[in-house]
Amino acid sequence: MNILNVLSQNFGHGSRTRTPNDSVPYPNGFRGRISHDLSLCTGCGTCVYVCSPGAIAIHDEEGGKSVNWKYAEDQCTFCSFCVEYCPTLALGIEAKSPTILSERSQHYLIHSIDLPLCKECGRPTRLIPDVALIHLYGNPLPEEIESARGLCENCRQRMTGQRFVTALAGKEK
């Protein structure tokens, strides 16, 4: 008898079918497509390293003056490890589901990242953005970090070596 009461109540409410325009709101923390902020990205490759399905790839362009960052939405498992481990906070998650696409090429997000030149030697280098430096070291930046901004890895190593030699020479006096 109880089942008849349930059926009569359900039939009394009318249709509950949603139309495509009447979608269910996404819950908090919904993980959708990855967004990429070019102004913060240095092409360091951390996102490539943590992406187990291989949905993100970085390829150096000829001449080394830029890198191509490529995201394949159709390979992504939406785990958000790339967002969690991005040191420059360049990656984010869109709170909407991926769109249905007819062509495989529409699933790709490709950005070209121009590498800035080292302020000392002029070689293209992957610099840490100011936002990330402030996040790591605070504002204002320590003098040693401020003086190393804009330098490639080799120039930073040379500068650190010179500081070390100077510190050792200063202690002997």
Foldseek 3Di string as FASTA:
>chain_A
DVVVVVVVVVVVVDDPDDDPVRDDAFDPPAFADKAFALVQDLQPCPLCVPQVLRQWDWAADPPRQKIKIKGQQVSHPSPCPSCVPVLRNRMDGDRDHDDDDDDSVVRMDMDIHGFAAQPPPGHGARFHDPSSQCVVANPPHDPLVVVCGRHHPVVNVVVVVVVVVVVVVVVVD
